[in-house]
N, C-alpha and C. Protein backbone atom coordinates (compact mmCIF):
# COMPACT_ATOMS: atom_id res chain seq x y z
N UNK A 1 156.63 -24.89 -106.69
CA UNK A 1 157.91 -25.42 -106.26
C UNK A 1 158.11 -26.79 -106.90
N UNK A 2 159.26 -27.01 -107.45
CA UNK A 2 159.57 -28.29 -108.08
C UNK A 2 160.03 -29.29 -107.04
N UNK A 3 160.09 -30.54 -107.45
CA UNK A 3 160.54 -31.59 -106.53
C UNK A 3 161.97 -31.37 -106.07
N UNK A 4 162.80 -30.73 -106.89
CA UNK A 4 164.20 -30.53 -106.52
C UNK A 4 164.39 -29.31 -105.61
N UNK A 5 163.39 -28.43 -105.53
CA UNK A 5 163.49 -27.25 -104.66
C UNK A 5 163.31 -27.68 -103.21
N UNK A 6 163.99 -27.00 -102.33
CA UNK A 6 163.87 -27.28 -100.90
C UNK A 6 163.19 -26.12 -100.22
N UNK A 7 162.39 -26.42 -99.22
CA UNK A 7 161.75 -25.34 -98.47
C UNK A 7 162.79 -24.53 -97.70
N UNK A 8 163.97 -25.09 -97.49
CA UNK A 8 165.05 -24.36 -96.82
C UNK A 8 165.45 -23.11 -97.58
N UNK A 9 165.22 -23.14 -98.89
CA UNK A 9 165.49 -21.93 -99.68
C UNK A 9 164.55 -20.80 -99.26
N UNK A 10 163.39 -21.15 -98.79
CA UNK A 10 162.39 -20.17 -98.37
C UNK A 10 162.56 -19.81 -96.90
N UNK A 11 162.75 -20.83 -96.04
CA UNK A 11 162.81 -20.59 -94.59
C UNK A 11 164.18 -20.19 -94.09
N UNK A 12 165.22 -20.52 -94.85
CA UNK A 12 166.57 -20.26 -94.38
C UNK A 12 167.10 -21.35 -93.47
N UNK A 13 166.32 -22.42 -93.30
CA UNK A 13 166.72 -23.56 -92.48
C UNK A 13 166.65 -24.80 -93.35
N UNK A 14 167.71 -25.58 -93.35
CA UNK A 14 167.71 -26.79 -94.17
C UNK A 14 166.56 -27.70 -93.77
N UNK A 15 165.98 -28.37 -94.76
CA UNK A 15 164.80 -29.22 -94.53
C UNK A 15 164.99 -30.20 -93.39
N UNK A 16 166.11 -30.92 -93.38
CA UNK A 16 166.29 -31.94 -92.35
C UNK A 16 166.36 -31.33 -90.96
N UNK A 17 166.95 -30.15 -90.83
CA UNK A 17 166.99 -29.48 -89.52
C UNK A 17 165.60 -28.99 -89.13
N UNK A 18 164.90 -28.40 -90.09
CA UNK A 18 163.53 -27.94 -89.83
C UNK A 18 162.66 -29.12 -89.42
N UNK A 19 162.80 -30.24 -90.12
CA UNK A 19 161.99 -31.43 -89.82
C UNK A 19 162.25 -31.93 -88.41
N UNK A 20 163.50 -31.90 -87.99
CA UNK A 20 163.84 -32.34 -86.64
C UNK A 20 163.25 -31.39 -85.59
N UNK A 21 163.34 -30.11 -85.84
CA UNK A 21 162.75 -29.12 -84.92
C UNK A 21 161.24 -29.32 -84.85
N UNK A 22 160.60 -29.52 -86.00
CA UNK A 22 159.16 -29.75 -86.04
C UNK A 22 158.80 -30.99 -85.25
N UNK A 23 159.59 -32.05 -85.41
CA UNK A 23 159.32 -33.31 -84.73
C UNK A 23 159.35 -33.13 -83.20
N UNK A 24 160.37 -32.45 -82.71
CA UNK A 24 160.48 -32.22 -81.26
C UNK A 24 159.29 -31.41 -80.77
N UNK A 25 158.95 -30.35 -81.48
CA UNK A 25 157.79 -29.53 -81.08
C UNK A 25 156.51 -30.34 -81.09
N UNK A 26 156.32 -31.16 -82.09
CA UNK A 26 155.11 -31.98 -82.18
C UNK A 26 155.02 -32.98 -81.03
N UNK A 27 156.14 -33.59 -80.68
CA UNK A 27 156.15 -34.52 -79.55
C UNK A 27 155.79 -33.81 -78.25
N UNK A 28 156.36 -32.62 -78.04
CA UNK A 28 156.08 -31.87 -76.81
C UNK A 28 154.63 -31.41 -76.77
N UNK A 29 154.12 -30.93 -77.90
CA UNK A 29 152.71 -30.53 -77.95
C UNK A 29 151.79 -31.71 -77.69
N UNK A 30 152.14 -32.86 -78.22
CA UNK A 30 151.34 -34.05 -78.01
C UNK A 30 151.33 -34.45 -76.53
N UNK A 31 152.48 -34.37 -75.88
CA UNK A 31 152.55 -34.70 -74.45
C UNK A 31 151.65 -33.77 -73.64
N UNK A 32 151.64 -32.49 -74.00
CA UNK A 32 150.76 -31.53 -73.30
C UNK A 32 149.29 -31.84 -73.54
N UNK A 33 148.93 -32.10 -74.78
CA UNK A 33 147.54 -32.40 -75.14
C UNK A 33 147.06 -33.66 -74.42
N UNK A 34 147.93 -34.66 -74.36
CA UNK A 34 147.56 -35.91 -73.71
C UNK A 34 147.30 -35.72 -72.21
N UNK A 35 147.92 -34.74 -71.59
CA UNK A 35 147.65 -34.46 -70.17
C UNK A 35 146.18 -34.12 -69.97
N UNK A 36 145.61 -33.35 -70.89
CA UNK A 36 144.18 -33.03 -70.83
C UNK A 36 143.35 -34.30 -70.99
N UNK A 37 143.73 -35.15 -71.93
CA UNK A 37 142.99 -36.39 -72.16
C UNK A 37 143.07 -37.31 -70.94
N UNK A 38 144.23 -37.34 -70.30
CA UNK A 38 144.39 -38.14 -69.09
C UNK A 38 143.46 -37.64 -68.00
N UNK A 39 143.44 -36.33 -67.80
CA UNK A 39 142.56 -35.75 -66.78
C UNK A 39 141.10 -36.03 -67.07
N UNK A 40 140.70 -35.93 -68.33
CA UNK A 40 139.31 -36.24 -68.71
C UNK A 40 138.98 -37.70 -68.39
N UNK A 41 139.88 -38.61 -68.74
CA UNK A 41 139.65 -40.03 -68.49
C UNK A 41 139.63 -40.33 -66.99
N UNK A 42 140.49 -39.65 -66.23
CA UNK A 42 140.50 -39.83 -64.77
C UNK A 42 139.18 -39.36 -64.15
N UNK A 43 138.67 -38.24 -64.64
CA UNK A 43 137.38 -37.74 -64.14
C UNK A 43 136.26 -38.75 -64.37
N UNK A 44 136.35 -39.46 -65.49
CA UNK A 44 135.35 -40.46 -65.83
C UNK A 44 135.67 -41.84 -65.25
N UNK A 45 136.78 -41.91 -64.53
CA UNK A 45 137.25 -43.15 -63.91
C UNK A 45 137.43 -44.27 -64.94
N UNK A 46 137.92 -43.88 -66.11
CA UNK A 46 138.18 -44.84 -67.18
C UNK A 46 139.66 -45.19 -67.17
N UNK A 47 140.00 -46.17 -66.35
CA UNK A 47 141.41 -46.53 -66.16
C UNK A 47 142.06 -47.06 -67.43
N UNK A 48 141.28 -47.70 -68.29
CA UNK A 48 141.83 -48.21 -69.54
C UNK A 48 142.33 -47.06 -70.42
N UNK A 49 141.54 -46.00 -70.52
CA UNK A 49 141.96 -44.83 -71.29
C UNK A 49 143.12 -44.10 -70.62
N UNK A 50 143.07 -43.99 -69.31
CA UNK A 50 144.16 -43.34 -68.58
C UNK A 50 145.48 -44.05 -68.90
N UNK A 51 145.45 -45.38 -68.85
CA UNK A 51 146.65 -46.16 -69.12
C UNK A 51 147.14 -45.94 -70.56
N UNK A 52 146.22 -45.96 -71.51
CA UNK A 52 146.59 -45.74 -72.91
C UNK A 52 147.21 -44.37 -73.10
N UNK A 53 146.55 -43.33 -72.56
CA UNK A 53 147.04 -41.96 -72.75
C UNK A 53 148.36 -41.73 -72.02
N UNK A 54 148.54 -42.35 -70.85
CA UNK A 54 149.82 -42.21 -70.14
C UNK A 54 150.96 -42.85 -70.94
N UNK A 55 150.68 -44.01 -71.54
CA UNK A 55 151.70 -44.67 -72.36
C UNK A 55 152.03 -43.79 -73.57
N UNK A 56 151.01 -43.27 -74.21
CA UNK A 56 151.23 -42.41 -75.38
C UNK A 56 152.00 -41.15 -74.97
N UNK A 57 151.69 -40.61 -73.80
CA UNK A 57 152.39 -39.42 -73.32
C UNK A 57 153.86 -39.74 -73.05
N UNK A 58 154.11 -40.89 -72.46
CA UNK A 58 155.50 -41.30 -72.20
C UNK A 58 156.25 -41.48 -73.52
N UNK A 59 155.59 -42.06 -74.52
CA UNK A 59 156.22 -42.23 -75.83
C UNK A 59 156.53 -40.87 -76.46
N UNK A 60 155.61 -39.92 -76.32
CA UNK A 60 155.84 -38.58 -76.87
C UNK A 60 157.00 -37.89 -76.17
N UNK A 61 157.06 -38.03 -74.85
CA UNK A 61 158.19 -37.46 -74.10
C UNK A 61 159.51 -38.08 -74.54
N UNK A 62 159.50 -39.41 -74.72
CA UNK A 62 160.71 -40.12 -75.15
C UNK A 62 161.14 -39.62 -76.54
N UNK A 63 160.19 -39.48 -77.44
CA UNK A 63 160.51 -38.97 -78.78
C UNK A 63 161.08 -37.58 -78.72
N UNK A 64 160.50 -36.73 -77.87
CA UNK A 64 161.00 -35.36 -77.73
C UNK A 64 162.42 -35.36 -77.18
N UNK A 65 162.68 -36.19 -76.19
CA UNK A 65 164.02 -36.25 -75.60
C UNK A 65 165.04 -36.75 -76.62
N UNK A 66 164.67 -37.77 -77.38
CA UNK A 66 165.57 -38.29 -78.41
C UNK A 66 165.86 -37.20 -79.45
N UNK A 67 164.81 -36.51 -79.86
CA UNK A 67 164.97 -35.44 -80.84
C UNK A 67 165.82 -34.29 -80.30
N UNK A 68 165.60 -33.93 -79.04
CA UNK A 68 166.38 -32.84 -78.44
C UNK A 68 167.86 -33.20 -78.36
N UNK A 69 168.15 -34.45 -78.00
CA UNK A 69 169.56 -34.89 -77.94
C UNK A 69 170.21 -34.78 -79.31
N UNK A 70 169.50 -35.26 -80.32
CA UNK A 70 170.04 -35.20 -81.68
C UNK A 70 170.19 -33.76 -82.14
N UNK A 71 169.22 -32.94 -81.84
CA UNK A 71 169.28 -31.52 -82.21
C UNK A 71 170.46 -30.83 -81.53
N UNK A 72 170.68 -31.14 -80.26
CA UNK A 72 171.79 -30.56 -79.51
C UNK A 72 173.12 -30.88 -80.18
N UNK A 73 173.31 -32.12 -80.57
CA UNK A 73 174.58 -32.49 -81.20
C UNK A 73 174.73 -31.82 -82.55
N UNK A 74 173.66 -31.65 -83.28
CA UNK A 74 173.73 -31.04 -84.60
C UNK A 74 173.94 -29.53 -84.52
N UNK A 75 173.42 -28.90 -83.49
CA UNK A 75 173.61 -27.46 -83.32
C UNK A 75 175.02 -27.14 -82.89
N UNK A 76 175.68 -28.09 -82.27
CA UNK A 76 177.06 -27.88 -81.82
C UNK A 76 178.07 -28.12 -82.93
N UNK A 77 177.63 -28.65 -84.06
CA UNK A 77 178.55 -28.89 -85.19
C UNK A 77 178.91 -27.62 -85.90
C-alpha cells in the first residue's frame, strides 16, 4: 500500500471515521481493564494504585464519551 492509499478503500469506512470508532472502543476497553486493576490494588490495600487506576479509568470514560458524542454527530450527517 502506498502512502496515498487509504485503508478505507479496503474496509469500506473512511480512515478518519474508522479511527474515531477505534478510539472509542479503545477507551471503553481500557476502562474495563482498569476495573480489574482497581480490584487487584484494592485487594492488596494499595490506595495509591487504586487512586491512579481510578483516575485513569475516569479519563478513559471521558475520552469514550467525547468520542461517542462526536461520532453521533458525524453519523447524523
